Protein backbone atom coordinates (compact mmCIF):
# COMPACT_ATOMS: atom_id res chain seq x y z
CA MET A 1 -27.37 -20.89 150.17
CA THR A 2 -26.65 -17.57 148.62
CA LYS A 3 -26.57 -17.26 144.76
CA GLN A 4 -24.96 -14.45 142.22
CA ALA A 5 -27.02 -11.53 141.92
CA THR A 6 -28.48 -11.02 138.63
CA ILE A 7 -29.29 -7.67 136.89
CA ARG A 8 -32.97 -7.05 136.17
CA GLY A 9 -34.15 -4.90 133.51
CA LYS A 10 -32.97 -3.51 130.04
CA ARG A 11 -31.64 0.16 131.63
CA PHE A 12 -29.75 -0.74 134.61
CA GLY A 13 -32.36 1.28 137.20
CA PHE A 14 -32.54 4.20 135.05
CA GLY A 15 -36.10 3.16 134.15
CA MET A 16 -37.20 3.44 137.70
CA ILE A 17 -35.53 6.73 137.96
CA PHE A 18 -37.64 7.84 135.14
CA PHE A 19 -40.79 6.51 136.29
CA GLY A 20 -40.15 8.26 139.96
CA LEU A 21 -39.91 11.64 138.15
CA ILE A 22 -43.37 11.83 137.66
CA PHE A 23 -43.97 12.02 141.49
CA LEU A 24 -41.59 15.03 141.81
CA PHE A 25 -42.33 17.51 139.18
CA ASN A 26 -45.66 18.67 140.71
CA PRO A 27 -46.07 22.07 143.02
CA ASP A 28 -46.78 22.02 146.49
CA ILE A 29 -49.17 24.27 148.20
CA ALA A 30 -47.50 24.85 151.40
CA VAL A 31 -47.01 20.97 152.92
CA VAL A 32 -49.90 19.65 150.55
CA ASP A 33 -48.33 17.42 148.01
CA VAL A 34 -50.84 16.02 145.52
CA LEU A 35 -48.36 13.61 144.05
CA PRO A 36 -46.37 12.61 147.43
CA ASP A 37 -42.40 13.13 146.81
CA LEU A 38 -42.10 9.97 149.40
CA PHE A 39 -42.98 7.54 146.34
CA GLY A 40 -41.19 9.51 143.94
CA TYR A 41 -37.68 9.28 145.89
CA LEU A 42 -38.67 5.56 146.82
CA PHE A 43 -38.58 4.71 143.08
CA ILE A 44 -35.09 6.46 142.72
CA THR A 45 -33.88 4.79 145.64
CA LEU A 46 -34.82 1.50 143.95
CA GLY A 47 -33.38 2.58 140.55
CA LEU A 48 -29.95 2.90 142.16
CA LYS A 49 -29.79 -0.60 143.70
CA TYR A 50 -27.27 -1.29 141.25
CA LEU A 51 -25.35 1.86 140.46
CA ARG A 52 -24.76 2.46 143.90
CA ASP A 53 -22.43 -0.38 144.30
CA MET A 54 -20.00 1.04 141.21
CA CYS A 55 -19.54 4.48 142.31
CA PRO A 56 -18.84 6.13 145.70
CA HIS A 57 -20.88 9.26 144.46
CA ILE A 58 -24.07 7.41 143.56
CA GLU A 59 -24.01 5.65 146.83
CA ALA A 60 -23.96 8.95 148.51
CA ALA A 61 -26.76 10.08 146.44
CA SER A 62 -28.67 6.81 147.38
CA VAL A 63 -28.37 7.62 151.31
CA GLY A 64 -29.66 11.08 150.45
CA PHE A 65 -32.59 10.15 148.52
CA SER A 66 -33.41 7.48 151.32
CA ARG A 67 -33.32 10.25 153.64
CA MET A 68 -36.01 12.13 151.52
CA LEU A 69 -38.30 9.07 152.35
CA ILE A 70 -37.95 10.41 155.80
CA VAL A 71 -38.83 13.85 154.60
CA GLY A 72 -41.60 12.56 152.31
CA ALA A 73 -43.08 10.87 155.36
CA ALA A 74 -42.59 13.75 157.68
CA LYS A 75 -44.43 15.98 155.04
CA LEU A 76 -47.47 13.47 155.31
CA LEU A 77 -47.35 13.56 158.85
CA SER A 78 -47.33 17.18 159.22
CA ILE A 79 -50.89 17.56 157.23
CA ALA A 80 -52.30 15.19 159.53
CA PHE A 81 -50.96 17.38 162.48
CA ILE A 82 -51.92 20.63 161.18
CA PHE A 83 -55.38 19.91 159.97
CA GLY A 84 -56.04 17.38 162.63
CA LEU A 85 -54.61 18.76 166.04
CA THR A 86 -54.56 22.30 165.36
CA SER A 87 -57.23 25.01 165.81
CA PHE A 88 -58.44 27.31 163.15
CA ASP A 89 -56.98 30.28 164.76
CA THR A 90 -53.47 28.91 164.74
CA ARG A 91 -53.67 26.95 161.67
CA PRO A 92 -52.10 29.56 159.13
CA THR A 93 -48.85 29.92 161.51
CA MET A 94 -48.43 26.15 161.91
CA ILE A 95 -48.99 25.91 158.01
CA LEU A 96 -45.95 28.38 157.86
CA LEU A 97 -43.94 26.85 160.34
CA PHE A 98 -44.20 23.55 158.98
CA ALA A 99 -43.73 24.33 155.21
CA PHE A 100 -40.74 26.53 155.94
CA SER A 101 -39.04 23.77 158.19
CA ILE A 102 -39.59 20.82 155.56
CA ALA A 103 -38.50 23.18 152.59
CA VAL A 104 -35.20 23.98 154.35
CA VAL A 105 -34.55 20.32 155.24
CA GLU A 106 -35.70 19.15 151.61
CA ILE A 107 -33.10 21.70 150.26
CA ILE A 108 -30.33 20.52 152.52
CA VAL A 109 -30.85 16.97 151.68
CA ALA A 110 -32.10 16.67 148.25
CA VAL A 111 -29.90 19.01 146.36
CA PRO A 112 -26.45 17.26 147.62
CA ALA A 113 -28.36 14.04 146.47
CA TRP A 114 -28.99 14.99 143.23
CA ASN A 115 -25.84 16.54 142.58
CA ALA A 116 -24.05 13.46 143.87
CA LEU A 117 -26.09 11.21 141.30
CA PHE A 118 -25.44 13.43 138.25
CA ASP A 119 -21.54 13.28 139.55
CA GLY A 120 -21.91 9.59 139.71
CA ILE A 121 -23.06 9.37 136.02
CA ILE A 122 -20.27 11.52 134.94
CA TYR A 123 -17.70 9.56 137.17
CA LEU A 124 -19.15 6.26 135.46
CA SER A 125 -19.29 7.61 131.69
CA GLN A 126 -15.71 8.65 131.97
CA ARG A 127 -14.28 5.31 133.05
CA THR A 128 -16.74 3.39 130.82
CA VAL A 129 -17.93 4.69 127.51
CA ASP A 130 -18.14 8.31 126.10
CA GLY A 131 -21.86 8.27 125.53
CA VAL A 132 -24.84 10.39 125.68
CA ALA A 133 -23.92 11.70 129.44
CA LEU A 134 -21.03 13.42 128.02
CA LYS A 135 -22.26 14.74 125.02
CA ALA A 136 -21.49 18.36 124.77
CA ASP A 137 -23.59 21.36 123.36
CA ARG A 138 -22.36 24.35 121.11
CA PHE A 139 -21.04 25.88 124.28
CA GLY A 140 -18.87 22.86 125.35
CA ARG A 141 -21.30 22.15 128.55
CA ASP A 142 -21.90 18.47 129.00
CA TYR A 143 -25.80 17.02 128.87
CA THR A 144 -25.42 15.87 132.39
CA THR A 145 -24.09 19.07 133.78
CA ARG A 146 -26.98 20.64 132.18
CA ILE A 147 -29.44 18.94 133.67
CA LYS A 148 -27.86 18.94 137.23
CA LYS A 149 -28.04 22.62 136.87
CA ALA A 150 -31.44 22.62 136.02
CA THR A 151 -32.74 20.20 138.48
CA VAL A 152 -30.88 22.73 141.53
CA PHE A 153 -32.80 25.26 140.00
CA PHE A 154 -36.14 23.16 140.09
CA ILE A 155 -35.69 22.06 143.81
CA TRP A 156 -34.95 25.34 145.02
CA SER A 157 -38.05 27.08 143.06
CA LYS A 158 -40.29 24.21 144.20
CA ASN A 159 -39.66 24.93 147.89
CA VAL A 160 -39.17 28.68 148.17
CA LEU A 161 -42.66 29.01 146.02
CA ALA A 162 -44.27 26.63 148.26
CA VAL A 163 -43.36 28.56 151.40
CA LEU A 164 -43.60 32.24 150.21
CA PRO A 165 -47.41 32.67 149.89
CA GLU A 166 -47.56 31.43 153.75
CA PHE A 167 -45.76 34.70 154.68
CA ALA A 168 -48.91 36.56 154.09
CA SER A 169 -50.47 34.85 157.11
CA LEU A 170 -48.47 36.69 159.35
CA SER A 171 -50.02 40.07 158.34
CA GLY A 172 -53.27 39.00 159.83
CA GLN A 173 -51.97 38.38 163.18
CA SER A 174 -50.55 42.29 163.70
CA TYR A 175 -52.20 44.31 166.23
CA ASP A 176 -51.47 47.32 164.25
CA ASP A 177 -54.90 47.92 162.71
CA THR A 178 -53.52 50.33 160.19
CA ALA A 179 -51.16 47.55 158.73
CA PHE A 180 -52.35 46.11 155.39
CA ASP A 181 -53.66 42.72 155.77
CA TRP A 182 -51.87 40.53 153.01
CA SER A 183 -53.30 37.45 154.40
CA ARG A 184 -56.72 38.43 152.74
CA PHE A 185 -54.96 37.65 149.59
CA ILE A 186 -53.04 34.38 150.64
CA GLY A 187 -55.06 31.93 148.18
CA LEU A 188 -54.59 34.45 145.39
CA PHE A 189 -50.67 34.19 146.29
CA ARG A 190 -50.94 30.23 146.25
CA ILE A 191 -52.76 30.03 143.00
CA LEU A 192 -49.96 32.69 141.44
CA ALA A 193 -47.17 30.62 142.86
CA PHE A 194 -48.78 27.35 141.77
CA ALA A 195 -48.96 28.47 138.44
CA VAL A 196 -45.42 29.49 137.98
CA MET A 197 -44.26 26.58 139.47
CA LEU A 198 -46.25 23.96 137.44
CA THR A 199 -44.49 25.64 134.32
CA VAL A 200 -41.35 25.28 135.72
CA GLY A 201 -41.98 21.78 137.16
CA VAL A 202 -43.26 20.75 133.75
CA VAL A 203 -40.38 21.85 131.64
CA TRP A 204 -37.91 20.34 134.09
CA LEU A 205 -39.79 17.13 133.91
CA ILE A 206 -39.68 16.97 130.18
CA ARG A 207 -35.82 17.57 130.23
CA ALA A 208 -35.23 15.16 133.30
CA MET A 209 -37.36 12.38 131.59
CA ARG A 210 -35.65 12.82 128.18
CA TYR A 211 -32.10 12.76 129.92
CA PHE A 212 -32.81 9.64 131.88
CA TRP A 213 -34.57 7.90 128.86
CA SER A 214 -31.64 8.90 126.83
CA ILE A 215 -29.11 7.43 129.34
CA GLY A 216 -31.09 4.33 129.50
CA SER A 217 -31.27 3.55 125.76
CA ASP A 218 -27.66 4.45 125.45
CA THR A 219 -26.75 0.79 124.79
CA PRO A 220 -22.76 0.97 124.86
CA PHE A 221 -23.03 2.64 128.29
CA ILE A 222 -25.27 0.19 129.56
CA THR A 223 -23.54 -2.70 128.32
CA ALA A 224 -20.27 -1.49 129.68
CA LEU A 225 -21.75 -1.06 133.20
CA LYS A 226 -23.30 -4.33 133.22
CA GLU A 227 -19.78 -5.89 132.33
CA LYS A 228 -18.45 -3.67 134.99
CA TYR A 229 -21.01 -4.70 137.54
CA ASN A 230 -20.82 -8.54 136.71
CA THR A 231 -16.90 -8.02 137.31
CA GLU A 232 -16.52 -6.29 140.12
CA VAL A 233 -19.68 -6.59 142.25
CA ALA A 234 -22.25 -9.16 141.30
CA SER A 235 -20.06 -12.02 143.17
CA ARG A 236 -20.69 -10.55 146.41
CA SER A 237 -23.95 -12.25 147.35
CA GLY A 238 -23.48 -11.45 151.20
CA LEU A 239 -23.78 -7.65 150.26
CA PHE A 240 -27.15 -8.16 148.64
CA MET A 241 -28.58 -10.32 151.27
CA ARG A 242 -27.80 -7.41 153.81
CA ARG A 243 -29.24 -4.90 151.57
CA ASN A 244 -32.37 -6.72 150.65
CA ILE A 245 -33.18 -7.56 154.00
CA LYS A 246 -32.92 -3.86 155.11
CA LEU A 247 -34.95 -2.51 152.06
CA ALA A 248 -37.60 -5.08 153.40
CA LEU A 249 -37.47 -4.12 157.06
CA GLY A 250 -37.06 -0.25 156.07
CA VAL A 251 -40.02 -0.38 154.13
CA ALA A 252 -42.13 -2.37 156.57
CA THR A 253 -41.29 0.16 159.24
CA LEU A 254 -42.75 2.86 157.04
CA ALA A 255 -45.92 0.78 156.39
CA CYS A 256 -46.14 0.72 160.26
CA LEU A 257 -46.05 4.35 160.36
CA LEU A 258 -48.51 4.83 157.71
CA CYS A 259 -50.82 2.60 159.25
CA ALA A 260 -51.94 5.77 161.77
CA ASP A 261 -55.48 6.81 161.51
CA VAL A 262 -55.71 10.61 161.82
CA PHE A 263 -59.30 12.09 161.65
CA PHE A 264 -60.72 15.19 162.17
CA SER A 265 -63.40 15.42 165.07
CA ILE A 266 -66.58 13.40 164.85
CA THR A 267 -69.08 16.05 165.33
CA ASP A 268 -72.53 17.53 163.78
CA TYR A 269 -70.45 20.21 162.06
CA MET A 270 -67.34 18.39 160.85
CA ASP A 271 -66.99 15.56 158.67
CA VAL A 272 -64.80 12.54 159.44
CA LEU A 273 -61.81 12.30 157.27
CA ASP A 274 -58.74 9.68 157.33
CA VAL A 275 -55.88 12.09 156.31
CA LEU A 276 -53.73 9.01 155.73
CA PRO A 277 -55.61 6.67 153.98
CA ASP A 278 -54.84 2.95 154.82
CA PHE A 279 -54.41 1.76 151.24
CA VAL A 280 -51.26 3.56 151.17
CA CYS A 281 -50.21 1.66 154.18
CA GLY A 282 -51.44 -1.76 152.35
CA ALA A 283 -49.47 -0.51 149.43
CA ALA A 284 -46.33 -0.37 151.25
CA PHE A 285 -47.12 -3.73 153.07
CA LEU A 286 -47.30 -5.40 149.28
CA LEU A 287 -44.04 -4.25 148.32
CA VAL A 288 -42.57 -5.56 151.83
CA PHE A 289 -44.00 -9.14 150.72
CA VAL A 290 -42.42 -8.61 147.09
CA LEU A 291 -38.99 -7.98 148.45
CA LEU A 292 -39.32 -11.15 150.92
CA ARG A 293 -39.82 -13.59 148.14
CA GLY A 294 -36.36 -14.49 147.90
CA PHE A 295 -36.24 -15.46 151.94
CA SER A 296 -39.54 -16.85 152.58
CA ALA A 297 -41.47 -17.71 149.34
CA LYS A 298 -44.41 -19.29 150.55
CA LYS A 299 -45.01 -16.78 153.52
CA ALA A 300 -44.22 -13.52 150.89
CA LYS A 301 -46.84 -15.32 148.63
CA ARG A 302 -49.52 -15.18 151.53
CA GLY A 303 -48.51 -12.05 152.34
CA ILE A 304 -48.75 -10.39 148.95
CA ILE A 305 -52.53 -11.94 148.67
CA ALA A 306 -53.46 -10.59 151.94
CA SER A 307 -51.71 -7.29 151.57
CA ALA A 308 -53.33 -6.90 148.42
CA VAL A 309 -56.87 -7.70 149.53
CA TYR A 310 -56.33 -5.28 152.39
CA THR A 311 -55.09 -2.57 150.09
CA VAL A 312 -58.29 -2.81 148.11
CA VAL A 313 -60.74 -3.62 150.89
CA ALA A 314 -58.83 -0.14 152.57
CA ALA A 315 -59.46 1.79 149.57
CA VAL A 316 -63.23 0.99 149.48
CA SER A 317 -63.59 1.50 152.66
CA TRP A 318 -62.03 5.11 152.57
CA GLY A 319 -63.94 5.99 149.81
CA SER A 320 -67.49 4.79 151.48
CA ASN A 321 -66.55 6.56 154.51
CA ASN A 322 -65.80 9.73 152.98
CA SER A 323 -69.11 9.30 150.62
CA PHE A 324 -71.01 8.77 153.90
CA VAL A 325 -69.90 11.52 155.90
CA HIS A 326 -70.55 14.16 152.82
CA GLU A 327 -73.94 12.65 152.59
CA PHE A 328 -74.95 12.37 156.22
CA THR A 329 -72.97 12.70 159.39
CA TYR A 330 -72.40 10.05 161.72
CA VAL A 331 -75.04 11.40 164.45
CA ARG A 332 -77.88 10.89 161.61
CA ILE A 333 -77.38 7.00 161.84
CA TRP A 334 -80.15 6.55 164.14
CA LYS A 335 -82.50 9.30 162.87
CA ASP A 336 -82.01 8.71 159.20
CA SER A 337 -83.12 5.27 157.75
CA ASP A 338 -80.83 6.05 154.44
CA ALA A 339 -77.91 6.78 156.71
CA TYR A 340 -78.87 3.81 158.91
CA GLY A 341 -78.84 1.53 156.09
CA LYS A 342 -75.74 2.60 154.49
CA PHE A 343 -73.73 2.74 157.49
CA PHE A 344 -74.59 -0.86 158.84
CA SER A 345 -74.51 -2.54 155.20
CA LEU A 346 -71.40 -0.97 153.65
CA VAL A 347 -69.34 1.62 156.15
CA LEU A 348 -69.34 -0.43 159.14
CA PRO A 349 -68.61 -3.83 157.66
CA LEU A 350 -65.75 -2.57 155.56
CA SER A 351 -64.37 -0.88 158.64
CA VAL A 352 -64.35 -3.94 160.47
CA LEU A 353 -62.83 -5.84 157.85
CA GLU A 354 -60.22 -3.63 157.08
CA SER A 355 -59.14 -3.83 160.42
CA VAL A 356 -59.03 -7.76 160.71
CA LEU A 357 -57.07 -7.81 157.41
CA PHE A 358 -54.21 -5.25 158.93
CA ALA A 359 -53.78 -7.73 161.78
CA VAL A 360 -53.53 -10.57 159.44
CA VAL A 361 -50.69 -8.74 157.60
CA ILE A 362 -48.77 -8.07 160.24
CA PHE A 363 -48.92 -11.45 161.52
CA ILE A 364 -47.98 -13.18 158.36
CA LEU A 365 -45.18 -10.49 158.04
CA LEU A 366 -43.94 -11.85 161.77
CA SER A 367 -44.02 -15.17 160.60
CA ALA A 368 -41.82 -14.43 157.14
CA MET A 369 -39.48 -12.72 159.51
CA LYS A 370 -38.61 -15.86 161.61
CA ASP A 371 -37.89 -17.37 158.58
CA VAL A 372 -35.49 -14.56 157.83
CA VAL A 373 -33.87 -14.71 161.11
CA ALA A 374 -33.41 -18.40 160.96
CA GLU A 375 -31.75 -18.58 157.93
CA HIS A 376 -29.65 -15.08 157.77
CA CYS A 377 -28.97 -13.76 161.26
CA GLY A 378 -25.77 -14.48 163.37
CA TYR A 379 -22.23 -15.47 162.47
CA LEU A 380 -22.01 -19.09 162.64
CA PRO A 381 -18.78 -20.50 161.12
CA ASP A 382 -18.38 -23.95 160.35
CA THR A 383 -15.18 -24.31 162.87
CA LEU A 384 -17.64 -23.91 166.07
CA SER A 385 -19.11 -27.10 167.39
CA ASP A 386 -22.86 -28.08 166.33
CA ASP A 387 -23.68 -27.68 169.85
CA TYR A 388 -22.44 -24.18 170.36
CA ARG A 389 -24.23 -23.30 166.59
CA VAL A 390 -27.64 -24.71 167.85
CA GLY A 391 -27.45 -23.03 171.11
CA ARG A 392 -26.34 -19.79 169.71
CA MET A 393 -29.41 -19.74 166.89
CA SER A 394 -31.49 -20.79 169.54
CA ALA A 395 -30.51 -17.82 171.41
CA ILE A 396 -30.87 -15.50 168.67
CA MET A 397 -34.39 -16.86 167.68
CA SER A 398 -35.50 -16.47 171.34
CA GLU A 399 -34.36 -12.95 171.39
CA MET A 400 -36.16 -12.07 168.41
CA LYS A 401 -39.44 -13.72 169.27
CA LYS A 402 -39.40 -11.52 172.20
CA ARG A 403 -39.30 -8.60 170.18
CA MET A 404 -41.98 -9.72 167.99
CA ILE A 405 -44.50 -9.99 171.09
CA PRO A 406 -44.92 -6.21 171.58
CA ILE A 407 -45.39 -5.85 167.53
CA GLY A 408 -48.16 -8.07 167.70
CA VAL A 409 -49.58 -6.66 170.71
CA PHE A 410 -49.71 -2.91 169.38
CA ALA A 411 -50.87 -4.40 165.96
CA VAL A 412 -53.88 -5.86 167.73
CA ALA A 413 -54.68 -2.66 169.56
CA VAL A 414 -54.35 -0.72 166.36
CA ALA A 415 -56.92 -3.29 164.79
CA VAL A 416 -59.32 -3.10 167.63
CA CYS A 417 -59.03 0.38 168.14
CA ASN A 418 -60.04 1.12 164.50
CA ALA A 419 -62.92 -1.39 164.50
CA VAL A 420 -63.98 0.38 168.07
CA ALA A 421 -63.97 3.63 166.05
CA GLY A 422 -66.66 2.50 163.68
CA LEU A 423 -69.02 0.56 166.42
CA MET A 424 -68.78 3.82 168.27
CA ALA A 425 -70.46 5.74 165.83
CA SER A 426 -73.15 2.91 165.65
CA LEU A 427 -74.17 2.95 169.16
CA PRO A 428 -77.55 5.03 169.62
CA GLY A 429 -76.20 6.96 172.54
CA PHE A 430 -73.97 8.73 170.11
CA ALA A 431 -77.04 10.71 168.54
CA ALA A 432 -78.96 11.04 171.95
CA GLY A 433 -79.13 14.13 173.50
CA GLU A 434 -78.45 17.56 172.87
CA GLY A 435 -75.04 19.20 172.44
CA ARG A 436 -71.71 17.31 173.05
CA ASN A 437 -72.21 14.09 174.99
CA SER A 438 -69.70 11.82 176.76
CA LEU A 439 -69.38 9.27 173.75
CA ILE A 440 -69.06 12.41 171.25
CA ILE A 441 -66.38 13.66 173.15
CA ILE A 442 -64.70 10.36 173.46
CA SER A 443 -64.89 9.67 169.88
CA GLU A 444 -63.24 13.19 169.02
CA ILE A 445 -59.90 11.94 171.03
CA TRP A 446 -60.34 8.19 170.03
CA TRP A 447 -58.28 8.81 166.79
CA ILE A 448 -55.54 10.27 168.82
CA ILE A 449 -55.32 6.84 171.18
CA THR A 450 -55.19 4.95 167.86
CA LEU A 451 -52.32 7.34 166.41
CA VAL A 452 -50.19 6.85 169.83
CA LEU A 453 -50.60 2.91 169.26
CA SER A 454 -49.52 3.38 165.85
CA LEU A 455 -46.50 5.31 166.59
CA LEU A 456 -45.81 2.73 169.11
CA LEU A 457 -46.27 -0.08 166.79
CA ALA A 458 -43.57 1.48 164.23
CA ALA A 459 -41.39 2.28 166.89
CA THR A 460 -41.33 -1.34 168.27
CA PHE A 461 -41.01 -2.69 164.79
CA TRP A 462 -37.94 -0.23 163.97
CA SER A 463 -36.27 -1.66 167.36
CA PHE A 464 -36.60 -5.01 165.92
CA SER A 465 -35.43 -4.06 162.50
CA ASN A 466 -32.28 -2.70 163.99
CA ALA A 467 -31.84 -6.05 165.85
CA VAL A 468 -32.22 -7.89 162.75
CA ASN A 469 -29.89 -5.78 160.69
CA GLU A 470 -27.04 -6.14 163.10
CA GLU A 471 -27.35 -9.72 163.26
CA VAL A 472 -27.57 -10.12 159.19
CA ASP A 473 -24.46 -7.75 159.09
CA SER A 474 -22.74 -10.02 161.63
CA ARG A 475 -23.40 -13.00 159.27
CA TYR A 476 -22.28 -11.32 156.21
CA MET A 477 -19.83 -8.69 157.17
CA LEU A 478 -16.86 -10.34 155.19
CA ASP A 479 -18.80 -10.61 151.91
């Protein structure tokens, strides 16, 4: 049974946008982003949950920011590819290639999205209350237009300054010995670009936060928006069912993608570093179960507990593993008593526990999705016979269960591969002999196998999500 949507929060979503800005202001060094933009745009997208239904401009902005989630995920994956799969000689070129490509896409997607957001705020202000958003300065420029221009300048600056220093790497590949090698100063260029962009970013952050805080604190404007929302939008319960399910499935697909473990090679000379920490995946699953509370309360509660434990264990496991490889190397496990004790008492148990918890979280999610399918999939009008309705629902459930099987299989495979990676390093043969024995060679490519399985997991869950969304749209298409 559906119920009328209720508006939560005093600031009508502007508080979420305010918080999301914190993840966006920091400079990028090529593709390395200390505060991932992915999370900033996720908060902004969530902040537009109500506003997007009231204005076509903001609906377009929400679509753009949703696409920026994909760009943010691609940026994280590019780090994994560059530092996990490329050789030292080709790495500068790959850094430039990925940094330039991502910067171009980000400008193409983010600038129109921000413009649409500010145009939407002006649109709503003109149709409700002439408040803070339209307040003009002494030159007659309204507050929103000023921030809009500052934001466009910030987006361009952030991406240009992230890429510009990387062009110096091209001079290091010249066959002309008389040419000046600017690549020797690439570190200095990065520092200068970082300093300039940090200044620009901090100034923009202060101005943008003041703007969205002022908008969210404009009581007459927020009150007018709530009244308009309750009158024109809130009664469309089916719309929110479709949207919340799509959001939960979208975040779940992203979580499956983030479960990929990308390692440097395991040798005497290189440490093992997981470029995509699994606690990020755990945090995404935690958000999924929070979103599913209204659809499968009991299973969502179990999922929240399981994913929270998984997130904590993954964070501790990631920290302990990094501490271990910086203090020892895996080939020292059977040669050093301290390494042996720390590995078998802490690193290995945490790795195995983390793998088990990952599989548990996936199966709880699949169980919760069965409830979603049963309650919200398929168009089954009361005018049809009971036999037809039961048969149709049975067919839908059967089809969805078939789609869940490969998800479960790949989830178990990923968990097993992650556990085996730790167990492999614990074998005495790993440290036996001189040079690169077969076990070390296998271990160096093992993470690639796990990565492929993780991508297959994300692909199968994405396919399942599309099937569920189609049936949900069919059920609520008239709302």
